């Protein structure tokens, strides 16, 4: 492929790639007095506020560097009505 003067090209550059990274929607990450956290669903259908350390953001996704394990269920909508111990229903 040759480029001619005046042509435009769309390029995506990957600066860093992390294997086995935990990525969550940006809407799941909340900011409180003690820093950032997410609401994690426990086995009894209640939630706990789990502090997390965030990393890079790409589009509407955030990499979680510390605080979550793979496979955990988190709350992505309706966090304003939650407090730790609130009972929730998965939809």
PDB file of N, CA and C in Angstrom:
ATOM      1  N   UNK A   1       0.852  -1.176   0.000  1.00  0.00           N
ATOM      2  CA  UNK A   1       0.000   0.000   0.000  1.00  0.00           C
ATOM      3  C   UNK A   1       0.894   1.233   0.000  1.00  0.00           C
ATOM      4  N   UNK A   2       0.628   2.143  -0.870  1.00  0.00           N
ATOM      5  CA  UNK A   2       1.381   3.388  -0.959  1.00  0.00           C
ATOM      6  C   UNK A   2       0.504   4.551  -0.544  1.00  0.00           C
ATOM      7  N   UNK A   3       1.092   5.510   0.127  1.00  0.00           N
ATOM      8  CA  UNK A   3       0.383   6.734   0.484  1.00  0.00           C
ATOM      9  C   UNK A   3       0.838   7.857  -0.430  1.00  0.00           C
ATOM     10  N   UNK A   4      -0.113   8.685  -0.799  1.00  0.00           N
ATOM     11  CA  UNK A   4       0.184   9.821  -1.647  1.00  0.00           C
ATOM     12  C   UNK A   4       0.054  11.090  -0.825  1.00  0.00           C
ATOM     13  N   UNK A   5       0.740  12.135  -1.202  1.00  0.00           N
ATOM     14  CA  UNK A   5       0.608  13.410  -0.480  1.00  0.00           C
ATOM     15  C   UNK A   5      -0.850  13.838  -0.408  1.00  0.00           C
ATOM     16  N   UNK A   6      -1.273  14.238   0.800  1.00  0.00           N
ATOM     17  CA  UNK A   6      -2.654  14.688   1.002  1.00  0.00           C
ATOM     18  C   UNK A   6      -3.599  13.587   1.438  1.00  0.00           C
ATOM     19  N   UNK A   7      -3.172  12.323   1.451  1.00  0.00           N
ATOM     20  CA  UNK A   7      -4.025  11.226   1.905  1.00  0.00           C
ATOM     21  C   UNK A   7      -3.986  11.148   3.433  1.00  0.00           C
ATOM     22  N   UNK A   8      -5.069  10.683   4.009  1.00  0.00           N
ATOM     23  CA  UNK A   8      -5.153  10.531   5.452  1.00  0.00           C
ATOM     24  C   UNK A   8      -5.301   9.058   5.809  1.00  0.00           C
ATOM     25  N   UNK A   9      -4.748   8.709   6.936  1.00  0.00           N
ATOM     26  CA  UNK A   9      -4.803   7.333   7.408  1.00  0.00           C
ATOM     27  C   UNK A   9      -5.209   7.356   8.876  1.00  0.00           C
ATOM     28  N   UNK A  10      -6.054   6.431   9.274  1.00  0.00           N
ATOM     29  CA  UNK A  10      -6.417   6.275  10.680  1.00  0.00           C
ATOM     30  C   UNK A  10      -5.526   5.194  11.270  1.00  0.00           C
ATOM     31  N   UNK A  11      -4.853   5.526  12.370  1.00  0.00           N
ATOM     32  CA  UNK A  11      -3.889   4.620  12.976  1.00  0.00           C
ATOM     33  C   UNK A  11      -4.224   4.420  14.440  1.00  0.00           C
ATOM     34  N   UNK A  12      -4.148   3.178  14.914  1.00  0.00           N
ATOM     35  CA  UNK A  12      -4.302   2.860  16.330  1.00  0.00           C
ATOM     36  C   UNK A  12      -2.968   2.331  16.817  1.00  0.00           C
ATOM     37  N   UNK A  13      -2.435   2.967  17.855  1.00  0.00           N
ATOM     38  CA  UNK A  13      -1.143   2.569  18.395  1.00  0.00           C
ATOM     39  C   UNK A  13      -1.368   1.952  19.765  1.00  0.00           C
ATOM     40  N   UNK A  14      -0.892   0.743  19.966  1.00  0.00           N
ATOM     41  CA  UNK A  14      -0.970   0.087  21.262  1.00  0.00           C
ATOM     42  C   UNK A  14       0.338   0.332  21.993  1.00  0.00           C
ATOM     43  N   UNK A  15       0.251   1.128  23.061  1.00  0.00           N
ATOM     44  CA  UNK A  15       1.455   1.478  23.786  1.00  0.00           C
ATOM     45  C   UNK A  15       1.870   0.400  24.767  1.00  0.00           C
ATOM     46  N   UNK A  16       0.887  -0.283  25.321  1.00  0.00           N
ATOM     47  CA  UNK A  16       1.184  -1.291  26.328  1.00  0.00           C
ATOM     48  C   UNK A  16       0.067  -2.321  26.311  1.00  0.00           C
ATOM     49  N   UNK A  17       0.415  -3.550  26.468  1.00  0.00           N
ATOM     50  CA  UNK A  17      -0.583  -4.610  26.500  1.00  0.00           C
ATOM     51  C   UNK A  17      -0.374  -5.415  27.778  1.00  0.00           C
ATOM     52  N   UNK A  18      -1.448  -5.613  28.525  1.00  0.00           N
ATOM     53  CA  UNK A  18      -1.355  -6.340  29.786  1.00  0.00           C
ATOM     54  C   UNK A  18      -2.100  -7.663  29.670  1.00  0.00           C
ATOM     55  N   UNK A  19      -1.395  -8.747  29.896  1.00  0.00           N
ATOM     56  CA  UNK A  19      -2.026 -10.059  29.866  1.00  0.00           C
ATOM     57  C   UNK A  19      -2.790 -10.277  31.162  1.00  0.00           C
ATOM     58  N   UNK A  20      -3.935 -10.919  31.085  1.00  0.00           N
ATOM     59  CA  UNK A  20      -4.766 -11.257  32.238  1.00  0.00           C
ATOM     60  C   UNK A  20      -5.181 -10.045  33.061  1.00  0.00           C
ATOM     61  N   UNK A  21      -5.402  -8.914  32.424  1.00  0.00           N
ATOM     62  CA  UNK A  21      -5.838  -7.714  33.125  1.00  0.00           C
ATOM     63  C   UNK A  21      -7.325  -7.820  33.446  1.00  0.00           C
ATOM     64  N   UNK A  22      -7.721  -7.269  34.571  1.00  0.00           N
ATOM     65  CA  UNK A  22      -9.137  -7.195  34.942  1.00  0.00           C
ATOM     66  C   UNK A  22      -9.648  -5.837  34.483  1.00  0.00           C
ATOM     67  N   UNK A  23     -10.655  -5.874  33.619  1.00  0.00           N
ATOM     68  CA  UNK A  23     -11.194  -4.655  33.018  1.00  0.00           C
ATOM     69  C   UNK A  23     -12.669  -4.563  33.363  1.00  0.00           C
ATOM     70  N   UNK A  24     -13.102  -3.375  33.804  1.00  0.00           N
ATOM     71  CA  UNK A  24     -14.500  -3.163  34.170  1.00  0.00           C
ATOM     72  C   UNK A  24     -15.024  -1.934  33.444  1.00  0.00           C
ATOM     73  N   UNK A  25     -16.351  -1.833  33.279  1.00  0.00           N
ATOM     74  CA  UNK A  25     -16.909  -0.614  32.706  1.00  0.00           C
ATOM     75  C   UNK A  25     -16.613   0.580  33.617  1.00  0.00           C
ATOM     76  N   UNK A  26     -16.367   1.718  33.014  1.00  0.00           N
ATOM     77  CA  UNK A  26     -16.055   2.927  33.783  1.00  0.00           C
ATOM     78  C   UNK A  26     -17.201   3.297  34.724  1.00  0.00           C
ATOM     79  N   UNK A  27     -18.430   2.934  34.383  1.00  0.00           N
ATOM     80  CA  UNK A  27     -19.576   3.270  35.230  1.00  0.00           C
ATOM     81  C   UNK A  27     -19.568   2.510  36.550  1.00  0.00           C
ATOM     82  N   UNK A  28     -18.811   1.416  36.635  1.00  0.00           N
ATOM     83  CA  UNK A  28     -18.772   0.621  37.865  1.00  0.00           C
ATOM     84  C   UNK A  28     -17.880   1.246  38.930  1.00  0.00           C
ATOM     85  N   UNK A  29     -16.898   2.033  38.515  1.00  0.00           N
ATOM     86  CA  UNK A  29     -15.931   2.602  39.457  1.00  0.00           C
ATOM     87  C   UNK A  29     -16.498   3.889  40.052  1.00  0.00           C
ATOM     88  N   UNK A  30     -16.557   3.923  41.364  1.00  0.00           N
ATOM     89  CA  UNK A  30     -17.082   5.069  42.110  1.00  0.00           C
ATOM     90  C   UNK A  30     -15.947   5.732  42.886  1.00  0.00           C
ATOM     91  N   UNK A  31     -16.128   7.003  43.203  1.00  0.00           N
ATOM     92  CA  UNK A  31     -15.144   7.725  43.999  1.00  0.00           C
ATOM     93  C   UNK A  31     -15.783   8.148  45.304  1.00  0.00           C
ATOM     94  N   UNK A  32     -15.133   7.803  46.418  1.00  0.00           N
ATOM     95  CA  UNK A  32     -15.623   8.163  47.741  1.00  0.00           C
ATOM     96  C   UNK A  32     -14.558   8.912  48.521  1.00  0.00           C
ATOM     97  N   UNK A  33     -14.810   9.132  49.803  1.00  0.00           N
ATOM     98  CA  UNK A  33     -13.869   9.849  50.649  1.00  0.00           C
ATOM     99  C   UNK A  33     -12.542   9.123  50.783  1.00  0.00           C
ATOM    100  N   UNK A  34     -12.577   7.792  50.705  1.00  0.00           N
ATOM    101  CA  UNK A  34     -11.365   7.001  50.878  1.00  0.00           C
ATOM    102  C   UNK A  34     -10.739   6.563  49.555  1.00  0.00           C
ATOM    103  N   UNK A  35     -11.191   7.102  48.447  1.00  0.00           N
ATOM    104  CA  UNK A  35     -10.637   6.742  47.144  1.00  0.00           C
ATOM    105  C   UNK A  35     -11.655   6.053  46.262  1.00  0.00           C
ATOM    106  N   UNK A  36     -11.163   5.309  45.293  1.00  0.00           N
ATOM    107  CA  UNK A  36     -12.052   4.637  44.341  1.00  0.00           C
ATOM    108  C   UNK A  36     -12.458   3.260  44.856  1.00  0.00           C
ATOM    109  N   UNK A  37     -13.672   2.855  44.485  1.00  0.00           N
ATOM    110  CA  UNK A  37     -14.200   1.562  44.915  1.00  0.00           C
ATOM    111  C   UNK A  37     -15.227   1.067  43.915  1.00  0.00           C
ATOM    112  N   UNK A  38     -15.545  -0.213  44.000  1.00  0.00           N
ATOM    113  CA  UNK A  38     -16.646  -0.804  43.247  1.00  0.00           C
ATOM    114  C   UNK A  38     -17.509  -1.595  44.211  1.00  0.00           C
ATOM    115  N   UNK A  39     -18.785  -1.739  43.873  1.00  0.00           N
ATOM    116  CA  UNK A  39     -19.672  -2.592  44.655  1.00  0.00           C
ATOM    117  C   UNK A  39     -19.582  -4.000  44.092  1.00  0.00           C
ATOM    118  N   UNK A  40     -19.231  -4.958  44.957  1.00  0.00           N
ATOM    119  CA  UNK A  40     -19.071  -6.348  44.571  1.00  0.00           C
ATOM    120  C   UNK A  40     -20.237  -7.149  45.140  1.00  0.00           C
ATOM    121  N   UNK A  41     -20.839  -8.002  44.317  1.00  0.00           N
ATOM    122  CA  UNK A  41     -21.956  -8.839  44.738  1.00  0.00           C
ATOM    123  C   UNK A  41     -21.426 -10.050  45.504  1.00  0.00           C
ATOM    124  N   UNK A  42     -21.954 -10.254  46.705  1.00  0.00           N
ATOM    125  CA  UNK A  42     -21.567 -11.411  47.514  1.00  0.00           C
ATOM    126  C   UNK A  42     -22.555 -12.547  47.277  1.00  0.00           C
ATOM    127  N   UNK A  43     -22.256 -13.731  47.792  1.00  0.00           N
ATOM    128  CA  UNK A  43     -23.086 -14.915  47.541  1.00  0.00           C
ATOM    129  C   UNK A  43     -24.486 -14.805  48.137  1.00  0.00           C
ATOM    130  N   UNK A  44     -24.664 -13.976  49.172  1.00  0.00           N
ATOM    131  CA  UNK A  44     -25.989 -13.816  49.782  1.00  0.00           C
ATOM    132  C   UNK A  44     -26.808 -12.704  49.126  1.00  0.00           C
ATOM    133  N   UNK A  45     -26.392 -12.267  47.930  1.00  0.00           N
ATOM    134  CA  UNK A  45     -27.069 -11.238  47.133  1.00  0.00           C
ATOM    135  C   UNK A  45     -27.053  -9.858  47.795  1.00  0.00           C
ATOM    136  N   UNK A  46     -26.059  -9.607  48.614  1.00  0.00           N
ATOM    137  CA  UNK A  46     -25.828  -8.271  49.143  1.00  0.00           C
ATOM    138  C   UNK A  46     -24.528  -7.755  48.536  1.00  0.00           C
ATOM    139  N   UNK A  47     -24.283  -6.457  48.693  1.00  0.00           N
ATOM    140  CA  UNK A  47     -23.082  -5.877  48.095  1.00  0.00           C
ATOM    141  C   UNK A  47     -22.122  -5.388  49.170  1.00  0.00           C
ATOM    142  N   UNK A  48     -20.855  -5.368  48.800  1.00  0.00           N
ATOM    143  CA  UNK A  48     -19.850  -4.760  49.649  1.00  0.00           C
ATOM    144  C   UNK A  48     -19.081  -3.753  48.803  1.00  0.00           C
ATOM    145  N   UNK A  49     -18.652  -2.662  49.436  1.00  0.00           N
ATOM    146  CA  UNK A  49     -17.843  -1.659  48.749  1.00  0.00           C
ATOM    147  C   UNK A  49     -16.394  -2.107  48.847  1.00  0.00           C
ATOM    148  N   UNK A  50     -15.766  -2.392  47.715  1.00  0.00           N
ATOM    149  CA  UNK A  50     -14.402  -2.890  47.699  1.00  0.00           C
ATOM    150  C   UNK A  50     -13.476  -1.811  47.143  1.00  0.00           C
ATOM    151  N   UNK A  51     -12.488  -1.375  47.925  1.00  0.00           N
ATOM    152  CA  UNK A  51     -11.540  -0.385  47.393  1.00  0.00           C
ATOM    153  C   UNK A  51     -10.699  -0.997  46.276  1.00  0.00           C
ATOM    154  N   UNK A  52     -10.454  -0.215  45.236  1.00  0.00           N
ATOM    155  CA  UNK A  52      -9.662  -0.681  44.098  1.00  0.00           C
ATOM    156  C   UNK A  52      -8.634   0.370  43.712  1.00  0.00           C
ATOM    157  N   UNK A  53      -7.596  -0.105  43.071  1.00  0.00           N
ATOM    158  CA  UNK A  53      -6.609   0.788  42.474  1.00  0.00           C
ATOM    159  C   UNK A  53      -6.771   0.653  40.970  1.00  0.00           C
ATOM    160  N   UNK A  54      -7.047   1.779  40.325  1.00  0.00           N
ATOM    161  CA  UNK A  54      -7.305   1.758  38.887  1.00  0.00           C
ATOM    162  C   UNK A  54      -6.037   2.037  38.101  1.00  0.00           C
ATOM    163  N   UNK A  55      -6.048   1.573  36.867  1.00  0.00           N
ATOM    164  CA  UNK A  55      -4.928   1.797  35.959  1.00  0.00           C
ATOM    165  C   UNK A  55      -5.390   2.603  34.764  1.00  0.00           C
ATOM    166  N   UNK A  56      -4.997   2.155  33.594  1.00  0.00           N
ATOM    167  CA  UNK A  56      -5.317   2.857  32.357  1.00  0.00           C
ATOM    168  C   UNK A  56      -6.812   2.820  32.062  1.00  0.00           C
ATOM    169  N   UNK A  57      -7.243   3.823  31.315  1.00  0.00           N
ATOM    170  CA  UNK A  57      -8.612   3.899  30.819  1.00  0.00           C
ATOM    171  C   UNK A  57      -8.551   3.867  29.298  1.00  0.00           C
ATOM    172  N   UNK A  58      -9.396   3.029  28.706  1.00  0.00           N
ATOM    173  CA  UNK A  58      -9.489   2.973  27.250  1.00  0.00           C
ATOM    174  C   UNK A  58     -10.955   2.961  26.876  1.00  0.00           C
ATOM    175  N   UNK A  59     -11.363   3.964  26.123  1.00  0.00           N
ATOM    176  CA  UNK A  59     -12.746   4.181  25.752  1.00  0.00           C
ATOM    177  C   UNK A  59     -13.575   4.215  27.027  1.00  0.00           C
ATOM    178  N   UNK A  60     -14.463   3.271  27.259  1.00  0.00           N
ATOM    179  CA  UNK A  60     -15.297   3.288  28.472  1.00  0.00           C
ATOM    180  C   UNK A  60     -14.964   2.136  29.401  1.00  0.00           C
ATOM    181  N   UNK A  61     -13.711   1.692  29.372  1.00  0.00           N
ATOM    182  CA  UNK A  61     -13.250   0.582  30.194  1.00  0.00           C
ATOM    183  C   UNK A  61     -12.075   1.041  31.060  1.00  0.00           C
ATOM    184  N   UNK A  62     -11.989   0.508  32.278  1.00  0.00           N
ATOM    185  CA  UNK A  62     -10.899   0.846  33.187  1.00  0.00           C
ATOM    186  C   UNK A  62     -10.221  -0.445  33.637  1.00  0.00           C
ATOM    187  N   UNK A  63      -8.901  -0.445  33.629  1.00  0.00           N
ATOM    188  CA  UNK A  63      -8.128  -1.578  34.125  1.00  0.00           C
ATOM    189  C   UNK A  63      -8.039  -1.467  35.647  1.00  0.00           C
ATOM    190  N   UNK A  64      -8.354  -2.565  36.343  1.00  0.00           N
ATOM    191  CA  UNK A  64      -8.237  -2.617  37.799  1.00  0.00           C
ATOM    192  C   UNK A  64      -6.921  -3.293  38.132  1.00  0.00           C
ATOM    193  N   UNK A  65      -6.009  -2.534  38.739  1.00  0.00           N
ATOM    194  CA  UNK A  65      -4.697  -3.081  39.069  1.00  0.00           C
ATOM    195  C   UNK A  65      -4.721  -3.898  40.352  1.00  0.00           C
ATOM    196  N   UNK A  66      -5.556  -3.495  41.297  1.00  0.00           N
ATOM    197  CA  UNK A  66      -5.581  -4.176  42.590  1.00  0.00           C
ATOM    198  C   UNK A  66      -6.965  -4.014  43.218  1.00  0.00           C
ATOM    199  N   UNK A  67      -7.467  -5.089  43.851  1.00  0.00           N
ATOM    200  CA  UNK A  67      -8.727  -5.013  44.578  1.00  0.00           C
ATOM    201  C   UNK A  67      -9.804  -5.961  44.096  1.00  0.00           C
ATOM    202  N   UNK A  68      -9.694  -6.468  42.875  1.00  0.00           N
ATOM    203  CA  UNK A  68     -10.687  -7.404  42.333  1.00  0.00           C
ATOM    204  C   UNK A  68      -9.999  -8.659  41.834  1.00  0.00           C
ATOM    205  N   UNK A  69     -10.770  -9.746  41.846  1.00  0.00           N
ATOM    206  CA  UNK A  69     -10.307 -11.001  41.258  1.00  0.00           C
ATOM    207  C   UNK A  69     -11.164 -11.290  40.037  1.00  0.00           C
ATOM    208  N   UNK A  70     -10.631 -12.053  39.115  1.00  0.00           N
ATOM    209  CA  UNK A  70     -11.394 -12.421  37.933  1.00  0.00           C
ATOM    210  C   UNK A  70     -12.611 -13.244  38.299  1.00  0.00           C
ATOM    211  N   UNK A  71     -13.724 -13.005  37.629  1.00  0.00           N
ATOM    212  CA  UNK A  71     -14.941 -13.769  37.863  1.00  0.00           C
ATOM    213  C   UNK A  71     -15.881 -13.174  38.891  1.00  0.00           C
ATOM    214  N   UNK A  72     -15.473 -12.134  39.607  1.00  0.00           N
ATOM    215  CA  UNK A  72     -16.378 -11.518  40.582  1.00  0.00           C
ATOM    216  C   UNK A  72     -17.418 -10.687  39.844  1.00  0.00           C
ATOM    217  N   UNK A  73     -18.623 -10.620  40.417  1.00  0.00           N
ATOM    218  CA  UNK A  73     -19.699  -9.846  39.828  1.00  0.00           C
ATOM    219  C   UNK A  73     -19.736  -8.480  40.492  1.00  0.00           C
ATOM    220  N   UNK A  74     -19.779  -7.432  39.662  1.00  0.00           N
ATOM    221  CA  UNK A  74     -19.807  -6.073  40.194  1.00  0.00           C
ATOM    222  C   UNK A  74     -21.063  -5.356  39.730  1.00  0.00           C
ATOM    223  N   UNK A  75     -21.411  -4.286  40.420  1.00  0.00           N
ATOM    224  CA  UNK A  75     -22.589  -3.486  40.084  1.00  0.00           C
ATOM    225  C   UNK A  75     -22.169  -2.412  39.092  1.00  0.00           C
ATOM    226  N   UNK A  76     -22.921  -2.298  37.995  1.00  0.00           N
ATOM    227  CA  UNK A  76     -22.599  -1.298  36.983  1.00  0.00           C
ATOM    228  C   UNK A  76     -23.664  -0.220  36.854  1.00  0.00           C
ATOM    229  N   UNK A  77     -24.827  -0.418  37.483  1.00  0.00           N
ATOM    230  CA  UNK A  77     -25.901   0.578  37.422  1.00  0.00           C
ATOM    231  C   UNK A  77     -26.582   0.682  38.776  1.00  0.00           C
ATOM    232  N   UNK A  78     -27.041   1.876  39.120  1.00  0.00           N
ATOM    233  CA  UNK A  78     -27.831   2.076  40.333  1.00  0.00           C
ATOM    234  C   UNK A  78     -27.027   2.193  41.612  1.00  0.00           C
ATOM    235  N   UNK A  79     -25.745   2.516  41.524  1.00  0.00           N
ATOM    236  CA  UNK A  79     -24.910   2.579  42.715  1.00  0.00           C
ATOM    237  C   UNK A  79     -25.317   3.686  43.688  1.00  0.00           C
ATOM    238  N   UNK A  80     -25.962   4.726  43.200  1.00  0.00           N
ATOM    239  CA  UNK A  80     -26.339   5.839  44.084  1.00  0.00           C
ATOM    240  C   UNK A  80     -27.320   5.408  45.163  1.00  0.00           C
ATOM    241  N   UNK A  81     -28.047   4.331  44.937  1.00  0.00           N
ATOM    242  CA  UNK A  81     -29.021   3.854  45.923  1.00  0.00           C
ATOM    243  C   UNK A  81     -28.462   2.775  46.836  1.00  0.00           C
ATOM    244  N   UNK A  82     -27.186   2.447  46.698  1.00  0.00           N
ATOM    245  CA  UNK A  82     -26.599   1.349  47.463  1.00  0.00           C
ATOM    246  C   UNK A  82     -25.745   1.826  48.629  1.00  0.00           C
ATOM    247  N   UNK A  83     -25.746   1.022  49.650  1.00  0.00           N
ATOM    248  CA  UNK A  83     -24.803   1.130  50.768  1.00  0.00           C
ATOM    249  C   UNK A  83     -24.301  -0.291  51.016  1.00  0.00           C
ATOM    250  N   UNK A  84     -23.134  -0.449  51.623  1.00  0.00           N
ATOM    251  CA  UNK A  84     -22.672  -1.805  51.900  1.00  0.00           C
ATOM    252  C   UNK A  84     -23.716  -2.605  52.680  1.00  0.00           C
ATOM    253  N   UNK A  85     -23.993  -3.814  52.238  1.00  0.00           N
ATOM    254  CA  UNK A  85     -24.994  -4.673  52.860  1.00  0.00           C
ATOM    255  C   UNK A  85     -26.349  -4.613  52.186  1.00  0.00           C
ATOM    256  N   UNK A  86     -26.528  -3.704  51.218  1.00  0.00           N
ATOM    257  CA  UNK A  86     -27.806  -3.630  50.505  1.00  0.00           C
ATOM    258  C   UNK A  86     -28.051  -4.917  49.735  1.00  0.00           C
ATOM    259  N   UNK A  87     -29.306  -5.350  49.733  1.00  0.00           N
ATOM    260  CA  UNK A  87     -29.691  -6.531  48.962  1.00  0.00           C
ATOM    261  C   UNK A  87     -30.028  -6.085  47.552  1.00  0.00           C
ATOM    262  N   UNK A  88     -29.526  -6.814  46.565  1.00  0.00           N
ATOM    263  CA  UNK A  88     -29.751  -6.461  45.163  1.00  0.00           C
ATOM    264  C   UNK A  88     -30.321  -7.645  44.403  1.00  0.00           C
ATOM    265  N   UNK A  89     -30.836  -7.336  43.215  1.00  0.00           N
ATOM    266  CA  UNK A  89     -31.357  -8.363  42.323  1.00  0.00           C
ATOM    267  C   UNK A  89     -30.663  -8.195  40.984  1.00  0.00           C
ATOM    268  N   UNK A  90     -30.107  -9.271  40.463  1.00  0.00           N
ATOM    269  CA  UNK A  90     -29.381  -9.223  39.194  1.00  0.00           C
ATOM    270  C   UNK A  90     -30.383  -9.207  38.060  1.00  0.00           C
ATOM    271  N   UNK A  91     -30.180  -8.273  37.119  1.00  0.00           N
ATOM    272  CA  UNK A  91     -31.056  -8.186  35.945  1.00  0.00           C
ATOM    273  C   UNK A  91     -30.236  -8.290  34.708  1.00  0.00           C
TER     274      UNK A  91
END
